[in-house]
Protein backbone atom coordinates (compact mmCIF):
# COMPACT_ATOMS: atom_id res chain seq x y z
CA MET A 1 -20.74 6.78 10.00
CA ALA A 2 -17.87 4.37 9.42
CA SER A 3 -15.59 4.73 6.43
CA PRO A 4 -16.01 2.10 3.70
CA LEU A 5 -12.38 1.19 4.38
CA SER A 6 -12.89 0.68 8.11
CA SER A 7 -13.00 -2.64 9.88
CA GLU A 8 -13.34 -3.32 13.58
CA PHE A 9 -10.46 -5.81 13.45
CA GLY A 10 -7.58 -5.76 11.02
CA GLY A 11 -6.69 -3.26 8.40
CA ARG A 12 -6.93 -2.47 4.76
CA VAL A 13 -4.42 -1.31 2.16
CA GLU A 14 -5.58 0.24 -1.09
CA LEU A 15 -3.04 1.34 -3.68
CA VAL A 16 -4.07 3.25 -6.82
CA LEU A 17 -1.56 3.68 -9.64
CA GLN A 18 -0.71 7.34 -10.28
CA HIS A 19 2.30 7.05 -12.62
CA ALA A 20 4.27 4.17 -14.12
CA GLU A 21 7.44 3.69 -16.11
CA ASP A 22 9.24 0.50 -17.07
CA LEU A 23 10.38 -0.64 -13.64
CA GLU A 24 9.23 2.25 -11.43
CA ALA A 25 5.77 3.22 -10.25
CA ARG A 26 4.04 5.68 -7.95
CA TYR A 27 0.83 4.80 -6.10
CA LEU A 28 -1.55 6.72 -3.89
CA GLY A 29 -1.81 4.62 -0.74
CA CYS A 30 -4.87 4.66 1.52
CA PHE A 31 -4.65 2.63 4.72
CA SER A 32 -7.12 1.96 7.50
CA GLU A 33 -6.94 0.30 10.89
CA GLY A 34 -10.26 0.39 12.69
CA GLU A 35 -11.49 3.97 12.41
CA ARG A 36 -7.99 5.35 11.84
CA LEU A 37 -7.19 6.43 8.27
CA PHE A 38 -3.78 7.12 6.75
CA SER A 39 -2.57 8.09 3.28
CA SER A 40 0.71 8.57 1.47
CA VAL A 41 2.41 8.43 -1.88
CA VAL A 42 4.16 5.07 -2.29
CA LYS A 43 7.00 4.66 -4.79
CA VAL A 44 8.60 1.49 -6.09
CA SER A 45 12.09 1.98 -7.50
CA VAL A 46 13.82 0.18 -10.33
CA GLU A 47 15.54 -2.00 -7.67
CA GLY A 48 12.19 -2.96 -6.14
CA LYS A 49 12.63 -0.74 -3.09
CA VAL A 50 9.34 0.59 -1.64
CA ASN A 51 9.27 4.10 -0.13
CA HIS A 52 6.40 5.94 1.56
CA GLU A 53 6.42 9.70 1.06
CA GLN A 54 4.16 12.66 1.63
CA TRP A 55 2.18 11.27 4.57
CA ARG A 56 -1.03 13.10 5.44
CA GLY A 57 -0.89 13.11 9.20
CA GLU A 58 0.83 10.28 11.01
CA PRO A 59 2.29 7.23 9.21
CA ALA A 60 0.30 4.00 9.09
CA PRO A 61 1.18 1.20 11.54
CA THR A 62 4.24 -0.84 10.63
CA TRP A 63 2.28 -4.03 9.99
CA LEU A 64 0.20 -2.26 7.27
CA LEU A 65 3.41 -0.95 5.72
CA ASP A 66 4.73 -4.54 5.68
CA VAL A 67 1.60 -5.64 3.77
CA THR A 68 2.20 -2.78 1.31
CA GLN A 69 5.84 -3.79 0.89
CA SER A 70 4.83 -7.36 0.09
CA LEU A 71 2.15 -6.32 -2.43
CA LEU A 72 4.42 -3.95 -4.30
CA ARG A 73 7.44 -6.24 -4.31
CA THR A 74 5.25 -8.91 -5.91
CA ALA A 75 3.98 -6.41 -8.50
CA TRP A 76 7.57 -5.32 -9.17
CA ARG A 77 8.75 -8.92 -9.68
CA GLN A 78 5.84 -9.54 -12.08
CA ARG A 79 6.70 -6.31 -13.91
CA THR A 80 10.26 -7.55 -14.55
CA VAL A 81 8.79 -10.40 -16.65
CA GLY A 82 6.45 -8.17 -18.64
CA THR A 83 3.25 -7.95 -16.59
CA PRO A 84 1.94 -4.36 -16.46
CA TRP A 85 1.78 -2.49 -13.16
CA PRO A 86 -1.60 -3.16 -11.53
CA ARG A 87 -3.92 -0.15 -11.64
CA ARG A 88 -5.24 -0.95 -8.18
CA LEU A 89 -4.21 -3.27 -5.35
CA THR A 90 -6.51 -3.79 -2.37
CA ARG A 91 -5.94 -6.14 0.55
CA TRP A 92 -7.49 -6.65 3.96
CA ARG A 93 -5.48 -8.37 6.66
CA LYS A 94 -6.21 -9.48 10.18
CA GLY A 95 -4.76 -7.03 12.68
CA SER A 96 -1.32 -7.13 14.16
CA ASP A 97 -0.76 -9.39 17.16
CA GLU A 98 0.80 -6.42 18.97
CA SER A 99 -1.28 -5.03 21.82
């Protein structure tokens, strides 16, 4: 049976807030590409830098990490003007053009 996160083409990023402070946050990241699943802890620093830590198994493909970077940088910029950290961020993107 396919995972609810799976997709034949493309990938999905789901980030769930675990801990937040003023300008820093930690998310549990779940990623999928086809039937492949990945997870890590994702931290956003006070400077807006995004770091993936504590991978379970292999790291997710670079293009999914780029999607994650974009999502969290946007959340960080919004946080600097008073918007709370989102509790959950979920995005699906068409797959990488790399073959």
